């Protein structure tokens, strides 16, 4: 019922209300059909290329191994060794080829895939001098805000005080072009743009990218209305101005105890 209201009800004339409806409806649907539950999970090495065919061949391989240990014949050992190796190599090659092809435009996923192939385990470390995570987050926030203020003040000081006076601006060429409105986007335009970015999602998104990808054709009209309303009113919805800020080291070998060695990475919502 909530999805029907979002899709077929006359969209709100206020863009912030429309974005709230979009976010609230999708979150309520996710909570209803996939509520958050606590589970005890045993962490094992991830093998996304593992298939049922490999599992079946592993059982056959164990039988061949027992046969070889009893007979000690070289022919039995060759069957035991070669049975699964070629299949695993083929599965790995096929999987990583598909991943590289699907994420050709996502540098982050490509580097992550390469690191997995090279078995590089990257552990993110933060300054240890803060008593809790809240103090650490406040310290990063204050540091980044003060850094922006310093840059802004430095730029202001470089501009002469009389640079904005009429005597210095009258000789400069003025742009007489005015933008009165933007061309509205169509469903096909939004679909083409969205398909390129549906490979990842933000913590603020109501649905993860994997789920949103499957139901995207249904919510496409709502997304198109949000974009067109934003272009028409010349306003960005307040909810879409919020980002998840993640500090990352500028260099892997930099001292993680120093705040100035981090850079802020803003992760925005899909919309």
C-alpha atoms as a PDB file:
ATOM      1  CA  UNK A   1       0.000   0.000   0.000  1.00  0.00           C
ATOM      2  CA  UNK A   2       2.813   2.401   0.832  1.00  0.00           C
ATOM      3  CA  UNK A   3       4.469   1.748  -2.520  1.00  0.00           C
ATOM      4  CA  UNK A   4       1.189   2.366  -4.351  1.00  0.00           C
ATOM      5  CA  UNK A   5       0.888   5.737  -2.627  1.00  0.00           C
ATOM      6  CA  UNK A   6       4.391   6.675  -3.751  1.00  0.00           C
ATOM      7  CA  UNK A   7       3.906   5.549  -7.339  1.00  0.00           C
ATOM      8  CA  UNK A   8       0.370   6.527  -8.213  1.00  0.00           C
ATOM      9  CA  UNK A   9      -0.495   9.359  -5.887  1.00  0.00           C
ATOM     10  CA  UNK A  10      -0.085  12.866  -7.257  1.00  0.00           C
ATOM     11  CA  UNK A  11       3.501  13.857  -6.347  1.00  0.00           C
ATOM     12  CA  UNK A  12       3.914  16.553  -3.754  1.00  0.00           C
ATOM     13  CA  UNK A  13       4.617  20.053  -5.028  1.00  0.00           C
ATOM     14  CA  UNK A  14       7.335  20.471  -2.398  1.00  0.00           C
ATOM     15  CA  UNK A  15      10.551  18.676  -3.262  1.00  0.00           C
ATOM     16  CA  UNK A  16      11.595  18.062   0.348  1.00  0.00           C
ATOM     17  CA  UNK A  17       8.279  16.314   1.023  1.00  0.00           C
ATOM     18  CA  UNK A  18       8.638  14.193  -2.120  1.00  0.00           C
ATOM     19  CA  UNK A  19      12.159  13.102  -1.138  1.00  0.00           C
ATOM     20  CA  UNK A  20      10.906  12.300   2.379  1.00  0.00           C
ATOM     21  CA  UNK A  21       8.100  10.156   0.939  1.00  0.00           C
ATOM     22  CA  UNK A  22      10.547   8.318  -1.324  1.00  0.00           C
ATOM     23  CA  UNK A  23      12.933   7.594   1.539  1.00  0.00           C
ATOM     24  CA  UNK A  24      10.251   6.737   4.112  1.00  0.00           C
ATOM     25  CA  UNK A  25       8.297   4.370   1.838  1.00  0.00           C
ATOM     26  CA  UNK A  26      11.350   2.372   0.787  1.00  0.00           C
ATOM     27  CA  UNK A  27      12.623   2.115   4.369  1.00  0.00           C
ATOM     28  CA  UNK A  28       9.243   0.924   5.640  1.00  0.00           C
ATOM     29  CA  UNK A  29       9.066  -1.728   2.897  1.00  0.00           C
ATOM     30  CA  UNK A  30      12.572  -2.945   3.717  1.00  0.00           C
ATOM     31  CA  UNK A  31      11.782  -3.103   7.444  1.00  0.00           C
ATOM     32  CA  UNK A  32       8.575  -5.013   6.755  1.00  0.00           C
ATOM     33  CA  UNK A  33       9.950  -7.659   4.380  1.00  0.00           C
ATOM     34  CA  UNK A  34      13.564  -7.794   5.577  1.00  0.00           C
ATOM     35  CA  UNK A  35      13.624  -6.646   9.205  1.00  0.00           C
ATOM     36  CA  UNK A  36      16.929  -6.299  10.982  1.00  0.00           C
ATOM     37  CA  UNK A  37      17.755  -9.445  12.967  1.00  0.00           C
ATOM     38  CA  UNK A  38      20.696 -10.537  15.053  1.00  0.00           C
ATOM     39  CA  UNK A  39      22.547 -13.628  13.920  1.00  0.00           C
ATOM     40  CA  UNK A  40      25.733 -15.370  15.005  1.00  0.00           C
ATOM     41  CA  UNK A  41      27.886 -15.565  11.890  1.00  0.00           C
ATOM     42  CA  UNK A  42      31.012 -17.668  11.523  1.00  0.00           C
ATOM     43  CA  UNK A  43      33.505 -15.657   9.489  1.00  0.00           C
ATOM     44  CA  UNK A  44      35.212 -17.700   6.804  1.00  0.00           C
ATOM     45  CA  UNK A  45      37.419 -16.649   3.897  1.00  0.00           C
ATOM     46  CA  UNK A  46      35.218 -15.289   1.140  1.00  0.00           C
ATOM     47  CA  UNK A  47      35.176 -17.306  -2.092  1.00  0.00           C
ATOM     48  CA  UNK A  48      32.538 -15.734  -4.383  1.00  0.00           C
ATOM     49  CA  UNK A  49      33.655 -17.921  -7.258  1.00  0.00           C
ATOM     50  CA  UNK A  50      32.754 -21.105  -5.323  1.00  0.00           C
ATOM     51  CA  UNK A  51      29.933 -23.053  -7.002  1.00  0.00           C
ATOM     52  CA  UNK A  52      27.914 -26.212  -6.507  1.00  0.00           C
ATOM     53  CA  UNK A  53      29.898 -27.872  -9.284  1.00  0.00           C
ATOM     54  CA  UNK A  54      33.120 -27.305  -7.340  1.00  0.00           C
ATOM     55  CA  UNK A  55      31.500 -28.677  -4.180  1.00  0.00           C
ATOM     56  CA  UNK A  56      30.459 -31.861  -6.002  1.00  0.00           C
ATOM     57  CA  UNK A  57      33.925 -32.308  -7.460  1.00  0.00           C
ATOM     58  CA  UNK A  58      35.470 -31.829  -4.014  1.00  0.00           C
ATOM     59  CA  UNK A  59      33.524 -34.852  -2.790  1.00  0.00           C
ATOM     60  CA  UNK A  60      34.726 -36.872  -5.779  1.00  0.00           C
ATOM     61  CA  UNK A  61      38.269 -35.665  -5.136  1.00  0.00           C
ATOM     62  CA  UNK A  62      38.165 -36.870  -1.541  1.00  0.00           C
ATOM     63  CA  UNK A  63      37.185 -40.341  -2.790  1.00  0.00           C
ATOM     64  CA  UNK A  64      40.081 -40.306  -5.257  1.00  0.00           C
ATOM     65  CA  UNK A  65      42.425 -39.188  -2.486  1.00  0.00           C
ATOM     66  CA  UNK A  66      41.395 -42.108  -0.288  1.00  0.00           C
ATOM     67  CA  UNK A  67      41.861 -44.456  -3.247  1.00  0.00           C
ATOM     68  CA  UNK A  68      45.352 -43.080  -3.979  1.00  0.00           C
ATOM     69  CA  UNK A  69      46.419 -43.391  -0.334  1.00  0.00           C
ATOM     70  CA  UNK A  70      45.397 -47.025  -0.355  1.00  0.00           C
ATOM     71  CA  UNK A  71      46.923 -47.935  -3.735  1.00  0.00           C
ATOM     72  CA  UNK A  72      49.858 -45.430  -3.932  1.00  0.00           C
ATOM     73  CA  UNK A  73      49.655 -45.635  -7.718  1.00  0.00           C
ATOM     74  CA  UNK A  74      50.948 -42.585  -9.682  1.00  0.00           C
ATOM     75  CA  UNK A  75      47.915 -42.701 -11.980  1.00  0.00           C
ATOM     76  CA  UNK A  76      45.533 -42.440  -9.026  1.00  0.00           C
ATOM     77  CA  UNK A  77      47.546 -39.534  -7.608  1.00  0.00           C
ATOM     78  CA  UNK A  78      47.394 -37.685 -10.952  1.00  0.00           C
ATOM     79  CA  UNK A  79      43.611 -38.014 -11.053  1.00  0.00           C
ATOM     80  CA  UNK A  80      43.371 -36.822  -7.451  1.00  0.00           C
ATOM     81  CA  UNK A  81      45.594 -33.760  -7.989  1.00  0.00           C
ATOM     82  CA  UNK A  82      44.290 -32.564 -11.362  1.00  0.00           C
ATOM     83  CA  UNK A  83      40.563 -33.146 -10.886  1.00  0.00           C
ATOM     84  CA  UNK A  84      39.747 -29.932  -9.007  1.00  0.00           C
ATOM     85  CA  UNK A  85      42.637 -27.607  -9.840  1.00  0.00           C
ATOM     86  CA  UNK A  86      41.596 -26.867 -13.411  1.00  0.00           C
ATOM     87  CA  UNK A  87      37.982 -26.326 -12.398  1.00  0.00           C
ATOM     88  CA  UNK A  88      38.907 -23.876  -9.615  1.00  0.00           C
ATOM     89  CA  UNK A  89      41.276 -21.939 -11.880  1.00  0.00           C
ATOM     90  CA  UNK A  90      38.574 -21.672 -14.519  1.00  0.00           C
ATOM     91  CA  UNK A  91      35.974 -20.518 -11.977  1.00  0.00           C
ATOM     92  CA  UNK A  92      38.312 -17.863 -10.544  1.00  0.00           C
ATOM     93  CA  UNK A  93      39.247 -16.581 -13.986  1.00  0.00           C
ATOM     94  CA  UNK A  94      35.623 -16.364 -15.097  1.00  0.00           C
ATOM     95  CA  UNK A  95      34.513 -14.606 -11.902  1.00  0.00           C
ATOM     96  CA  UNK A  96      37.229 -11.948 -11.842  1.00  0.00           C
ATOM     97  CA  UNK A  97      36.850 -11.305 -15.571  1.00  0.00           C
ATOM     98  CA  UNK A  98      33.159 -10.615 -15.010  1.00  0.00           C
ATOM     99  CA  UNK A  99      33.861  -8.353 -12.019  1.00  0.00           C
ATOM    100  CA  UNK A 100      36.423  -6.289 -13.938  1.00  0.00           C
ATOM    101  CA  UNK A 101      34.020  -5.935 -16.846  1.00  0.00           C
ATOM    102  CA  UNK A 102      31.024  -4.951 -14.680  1.00  0.00           C
ATOM    103  CA  UNK A 103      32.977  -2.414 -12.599  1.00  0.00           C
ATOM    104  CA  UNK A 104      35.101  -0.954 -15.386  1.00  0.00           C
ATOM    105  CA  UNK A 105      33.899   2.539 -14.438  1.00  0.00           C
ATOM    106  CA  UNK A 106      34.317   2.104 -10.680  1.00  0.00           C
ATOM    107  CA  UNK A 107      37.962   2.626  -9.722  1.00  0.00           C
ATOM    108  CA  UNK A 108      37.307   1.750  -6.092  1.00  0.00           C
ATOM    109  CA  UNK A 109      35.927  -1.692  -6.914  1.00  0.00           C
ATOM    110  CA  UNK A 110      38.738  -2.351  -9.398  1.00  0.00           C
ATOM    111  CA  UNK A 111      41.402  -1.578  -6.781  1.00  0.00           C
ATOM    112  CA  UNK A 112      39.506  -3.707  -4.261  1.00  0.00           C
ATOM    113  CA  UNK A 113      39.436  -6.615  -6.725  1.00  0.00           C
ATOM    114  CA  UNK A 114      43.168  -6.296  -7.416  1.00  0.00           C
ATOM    115  CA  UNK A 115      43.900  -6.218  -3.674  1.00  0.00           C
ATOM    116  CA  UNK A 116      41.859  -9.386  -3.215  1.00  0.00           C
ATOM    117  CA  UNK A 117      43.790 -11.096  -5.996  1.00  0.00           C
ATOM    118  CA  UNK A 118      47.092 -10.027  -4.436  1.00  0.00           C
ATOM    119  CA  UNK A 119      45.771 -10.953  -0.953  1.00  0.00           C
ATOM    120  CA  UNK A 120      46.420  -7.482   0.417  1.00  0.00           C
ATOM    121  CA  UNK A 121      44.670  -6.947   3.735  1.00  0.00           C
ATOM    122  CA  UNK A 122      44.209  -3.227   4.348  1.00  0.00           C
ATOM    123  CA  UNK A 123      43.364  -2.293   7.928  1.00  0.00           C
ATOM    124  CA  UNK A 124      42.160   1.271   8.473  1.00  0.00           C
ATOM    125  CA  UNK A 125      43.732   2.808  11.573  1.00  0.00           C
ATOM    126  CA  UNK A 126      42.826   6.021  13.356  1.00  0.00           C
ATOM    127  CA  UNK A 127      44.492   8.123  16.065  1.00  0.00           C
ATOM    128  CA  UNK A 128      44.544   6.220  19.354  1.00  0.00           C
ATOM    129  CA  UNK A 129      44.795   9.231  21.685  1.00  0.00           C
ATOM    130  CA  UNK A 130      41.008   9.705  21.931  1.00  0.00           C
ATOM    131  CA  UNK A 131      39.034   7.894  24.648  1.00  0.00           C
ATOM    132  CA  UNK A 132      36.045   6.923  22.504  1.00  0.00           C
ATOM    133  CA  UNK A 133      34.665   7.033  18.964  1.00  0.00           C
ATOM    134  CA  UNK A 134      32.558  10.136  19.686  1.00  0.00           C
ATOM    135  CA  UNK A 135      35.624  12.139  20.700  1.00  0.00           C
ATOM    136  CA  UNK A 136      37.463  10.901  17.624  1.00  0.00           C
ATOM    137  CA  UNK A 137      34.599  11.933  15.320  1.00  0.00           C
ATOM    138  CA  UNK A 138      34.413  15.386  16.959  1.00  0.00           C
ATOM    139  CA  UNK A 139      38.164  15.822  16.550  1.00  0.00           C
ATOM    140  CA  UNK A 140      38.009  14.961  12.851  1.00  0.00           C
ATOM    141  CA  UNK A 141      35.030  17.291  12.387  1.00  0.00           C
ATOM    142  CA  UNK A 142      36.751  20.221  14.085  1.00  0.00           C
ATOM    143  CA  UNK A 143      39.964  19.606  12.161  1.00  0.00           C
ATOM    144  CA  UNK A 144      38.307  19.501   8.731  1.00  0.00           C
ATOM    145  CA  UNK A 145      36.111  22.545   9.452  1.00  0.00           C
ATOM    146  CA  UNK A 146      39.096  24.576  10.665  1.00  0.00           C
ATOM    147  CA  UNK A 147      41.060  23.519   7.591  1.00  0.00           C
ATOM    148  CA  UNK A 148      38.326  24.820   5.294  1.00  0.00           C
ATOM    149  CA  UNK A 149      38.141  28.068   7.281  1.00  0.00           C
ATOM    150  CA  UNK A 150      41.901  28.563   6.920  1.00  0.00           C
ATOM    151  CA  UNK A 151      41.728  28.053   3.150  1.00  0.00           C
ATOM    152  CA  UNK A 152      38.794  30.473   2.891  1.00  0.00           C
ATOM    153  CA  UNK A 153      40.549  33.133   4.961  1.00  0.00           C
ATOM    154  CA  UNK A 154      43.747  32.752   2.938  1.00  0.00           C
ATOM    155  CA  UNK A 155      41.842  33.291  -0.306  1.00  0.00           C
ATOM    156  CA  UNK A 156      40.068  36.319   1.135  1.00  0.00           C
ATOM    157  CA  UNK A 157      43.363  37.894   2.196  1.00  0.00           C
ATOM    158  CA  UNK A 158      44.762  37.510  -1.320  1.00  0.00           C
ATOM    159  CA  UNK A 159      41.978  39.682  -2.800  1.00  0.00           C
ATOM    160  CA  UNK A 160      42.763  43.440  -2.553  1.00  0.00           C
ATOM    161  CA  UNK A 161      40.187  45.398  -0.600  1.00  0.00           C
ATOM    162  CA  UNK A 162      39.450  47.721  -3.512  1.00  0.00           C
ATOM    163  CA  UNK A 163      39.292  44.912  -6.077  1.00  0.00           C
ATOM    164  CA  UNK A 164      35.495  44.823  -5.935  1.00  0.00           C
ATOM    165  CA  UNK A 165      35.041  48.567  -6.329  1.00  0.00           C
ATOM    166  CA  UNK A 166      33.297  49.919  -9.396  1.00  0.00           C
ATOM    167  CA  UNK A 167      36.511  51.447 -10.742  1.00  0.00           C
ATOM    168  CA  UNK A 168      38.082  48.021 -11.103  1.00  0.00           C
ATOM    169  CA  UNK A 169      35.069  46.168 -12.473  1.00  0.00           C
ATOM    170  CA  UNK A 170      33.807  48.524 -15.159  1.00  0.00           C
ATOM    171  CA  UNK A 171      36.544  47.522 -17.610  1.00  0.00           C
ATOM    172  CA  UNK A 172      35.939  43.808 -17.214  1.00  0.00           C
ATOM    173  CA  UNK A 173      33.751  41.985 -19.741  1.00  0.00           C
ATOM    174  CA  UNK A 174      30.369  41.038 -18.340  1.00  0.00           C
ATOM    175  CA  UNK A 175      28.421  37.908 -19.236  1.00  0.00           C
ATOM    176  CA  UNK A 176      25.017  38.880 -20.577  1.00  0.00           C
ATOM    177  CA  UNK A 177      23.730  35.280 -20.746  1.00  0.00           C
ATOM    178  CA  UNK A 178      21.025  34.407 -18.245  1.00  0.00           C
ATOM    179  CA  UNK A 179      19.724  30.947 -17.396  1.00  0.00           C
ATOM    180  CA  UNK A 180      15.974  31.016 -16.852  1.00  0.00           C
ATOM    181  CA  UNK A 181      15.202  27.284 -16.771  1.00  0.00           C
ATOM    182  CA  UNK A 182      16.641  23.828 -17.357  1.00  0.00           C
ATOM    183  CA  UNK A 183      15.407  21.219 -19.774  1.00  0.00           C
ATOM    184  CA  UNK A 184      13.519  18.489 -17.952  1.00  0.00           C
ATOM    185  CA  UNK A 185      14.932  14.988 -17.992  1.00  0.00           C
ATOM    186  CA  UNK A 186      13.074  11.988 -19.366  1.00  0.00           C
ATOM    187  CA  UNK A 187      12.734   8.489 -17.944  1.00  0.00           C
ATOM    188  CA  UNK A 188      15.267   7.157 -20.453  1.00  0.00           C
ATOM    189  CA  UNK A 189      17.824   9.840 -19.542  1.00  0.00           C
ATOM    190  CA  UNK A 190      17.569   9.046 -15.841  1.00  0.00           C
ATOM    191  CA  UNK A 191      17.765   5.318 -16.545  1.00  0.00           C
ATOM    192  CA  UNK A 192      20.987   5.695 -18.548  1.00  0.00           C
ATOM    193  CA  UNK A 193      22.608   7.797 -15.797  1.00  0.00           C
ATOM    194  CA  UNK A 194      21.415   5.557 -12.973  1.00  0.00           C
ATOM    195  CA  UNK A 195      22.579   2.272 -14.463  1.00  0.00           C
ATOM    196  CA  UNK A 196      26.174   3.541 -14.332  1.00  0.00           C
ATOM    197  CA  UNK A 197      25.966   4.317 -10.589  1.00  0.00           C
ATOM    198  CA  UNK A 198      23.831   1.444  -9.290  1.00  0.00           C
ATOM    199  CA  UNK A 199      26.925  -0.583  -8.409  1.00  0.00           C
ATOM    200  CA  UNK A 200      27.330   0.967  -4.966  1.00  0.00           C
ATOM    201  CA  UNK A 201      25.231   2.605  -2.282  1.00  0.00           C
ATOM    202  CA  UNK A 202      25.562   4.818   0.781  1.00  0.00           C
ATOM    203  CA  UNK A 203      24.705   4.095   4.404  1.00  0.00           C
ATOM    204  CA  UNK A 204      22.041   6.807   4.116  1.00  0.00           C
ATOM    205  CA  UNK A 205      20.226   5.062   1.252  1.00  0.00           C
ATOM    206  CA  UNK A 206      16.896   3.446   2.171  1.00  0.00           C
ATOM    207  CA  UNK A 207      17.780   0.380   0.066  1.00  0.00           C
ATOM    208  CA  UNK A 208      21.145  -1.209  -0.732  1.00  0.00           C
ATOM    209  CA  UNK A 209      22.280  -1.084  -4.352  1.00  0.00           C
ATOM    210  CA  UNK A 210      21.663  -4.810  -4.890  1.00  0.00           C
ATOM    211  CA  UNK A 211      17.986  -4.434  -3.942  1.00  0.00           C
ATOM    212  CA  UNK A 212      17.513  -1.065  -5.624  1.00  0.00           C
ATOM    213  CA  UNK A 213      18.831  -2.478  -8.888  1.00  0.00           C
ATOM    214  CA  UNK A 214      16.073  -5.082  -9.062  1.00  0.00           C
ATOM    215  CA  UNK A 215      13.201  -2.670  -8.347  1.00  0.00           C
ATOM    216  CA  UNK A 216      14.639   0.354 -10.153  1.00  0.00           C
ATOM    217  CA  UNK A 217      12.132   0.326 -13.077  1.00  0.00           C
ATOM    218  CA  UNK A 218       9.293   0.687 -10.550  1.00  0.00           C
ATOM    219  CA  UNK A 219      10.703   3.728  -8.736  1.00  0.00           C
ATOM    220  CA  UNK A 220      12.134   5.343 -11.884  1.00  0.00           C
ATOM    221  CA  UNK A 221       9.145   7.732 -12.343  1.00  0.00           C
ATOM    222  CA  UNK A 222       9.503   8.964  -8.743  1.00  0.00           C
ATOM    223  CA  UNK A 223      13.224   9.613  -9.174  1.00  0.00           C
ATOM    224  CA  UNK A 224      12.555  11.462 -12.413  1.00  0.00           C
ATOM    225  CA  UNK A 225       9.980  13.663 -10.656  1.00  0.00           C
ATOM    226  CA  UNK A 226      12.497  14.492  -7.912  1.00  0.00           C
ATOM    227  CA  UNK A 227      15.156  15.507 -10.441  1.00  0.00           C
ATOM    228  CA  UNK A 228      12.804  17.583 -12.570  1.00  0.00           C
ATOM    229  CA  UNK A 229      11.358  19.325  -9.538  1.00  0.00           C
ATOM    230  CA  UNK A 230      14.867  20.173  -8.333  1.00  0.00           C
ATOM    231  CA  UNK A 231      15.797  21.613 -11.744  1.00  0.00           C
ATOM    232  CA  UNK A 232      12.546  23.544 -11.994  1.00  0.00           C
ATOM    233  CA  UNK A 233      12.798  25.126  -8.550  1.00  0.00           C
ATOM    234  CA  UNK A 234      16.564  25.508  -8.597  1.00  0.00           C
ATOM    235  CA  UNK A 235      16.808  23.887  -5.164  1.00  0.00           C
ATOM    236  CA  UNK A 236      18.559  20.886  -3.691  1.00  0.00           C
ATOM    237  CA  UNK A 237      16.473  18.936  -1.139  1.00  0.00           C
ATOM    238  CA  UNK A 238      17.796  19.273   2.402  1.00  0.00           C
ATOM    239  CA  UNK A 239      17.851  15.497   2.909  1.00  0.00           C
ATOM    240  CA  UNK A 240      20.178  15.067  -0.074  1.00  0.00           C
ATOM    241  CA  UNK A 241      22.727  17.544   1.295  1.00  0.00           C
ATOM    242  CA  UNK A 242      23.702  15.128   4.063  1.00  0.00           C
ATOM    243  CA  UNK A 243      26.769  12.928   3.500  1.00  0.00           C
ATOM    244  CA  UNK A 244      28.613  10.214   5.390  1.00  0.00           C
ATOM    245  CA  UNK A 245      32.115  11.525   6.036  1.00  0.00           C
ATOM    246  CA  UNK A 246      34.904   8.959   6.224  1.00  0.00           C
ATOM    247  CA  UNK A 247      38.503  10.006   6.968  1.00  0.00           C
ATOM    248  CA  UNK A 248      41.070   8.122   4.893  1.00  0.00           C
ATOM    249  CA  UNK A 249      44.840   8.261   5.027  1.00  0.00           C
ATOM    250  CA  UNK A 250      46.383  10.247   2.186  1.00  0.00           C
ATOM    251  CA  UNK A 251      49.147   7.632   1.906  1.00  0.00           C
ATOM    252  CA  UNK A 252      49.168   4.076   3.196  1.00  0.00           C
ATOM    253  CA  UNK A 253      52.477   4.545   5.011  1.00  0.00           C
ATOM    254  CA  UNK A 254      51.504   7.896   6.590  1.00  0.00           C
ATOM    255  CA  UNK A 255      51.390   8.333  10.362  1.00  0.00           C
ATOM    256  CA  UNK A 256      47.790   7.574  11.342  1.00  0.00           C
ATOM    257  CA  UNK A 257      48.222   9.301  14.696  1.00  0.00           C
ATOM    258  CA  UNK A 258      48.277  12.726  12.988  1.00  0.00           C
ATOM    259  CA  UNK A 259      44.940  14.218  11.885  1.00  0.00           C
ATOM    260  CA  UNK A 260      46.581  16.211   9.088  1.00  0.00           C
ATOM    261  CA  UNK A 261      47.485  12.961   7.320  1.00  0.00           C
ATOM    262  CA  UNK A 262      43.794  12.220   6.687  1.00  0.00           C
ATOM    263  CA  UNK A 263      41.503  13.515   3.961  1.00  0.00           C
ATOM    264  CA  UNK A 264      37.695  13.607   4.152  1.00  0.00           C
ATOM    265  CA  UNK A 265      35.727  11.374   1.772  1.00  0.00           C
ATOM    266  CA  UNK A 266      32.048  12.315   1.440  1.00  0.00           C
ATOM    267  CA  UNK A 267      29.652   9.529   0.488  1.00  0.00           C
ATOM    268  CA  UNK A 268      26.336  10.906  -0.777  1.00  0.00           C
ATOM    269  CA  UNK A 269      23.038   9.103  -1.263  1.00  0.00           C
ATOM    270  CA  UNK A 270      22.271   7.446  -4.606  1.00  0.00           C
ATOM    271  CA  UNK A 271      19.652  10.062  -5.548  1.00  0.00           C
END
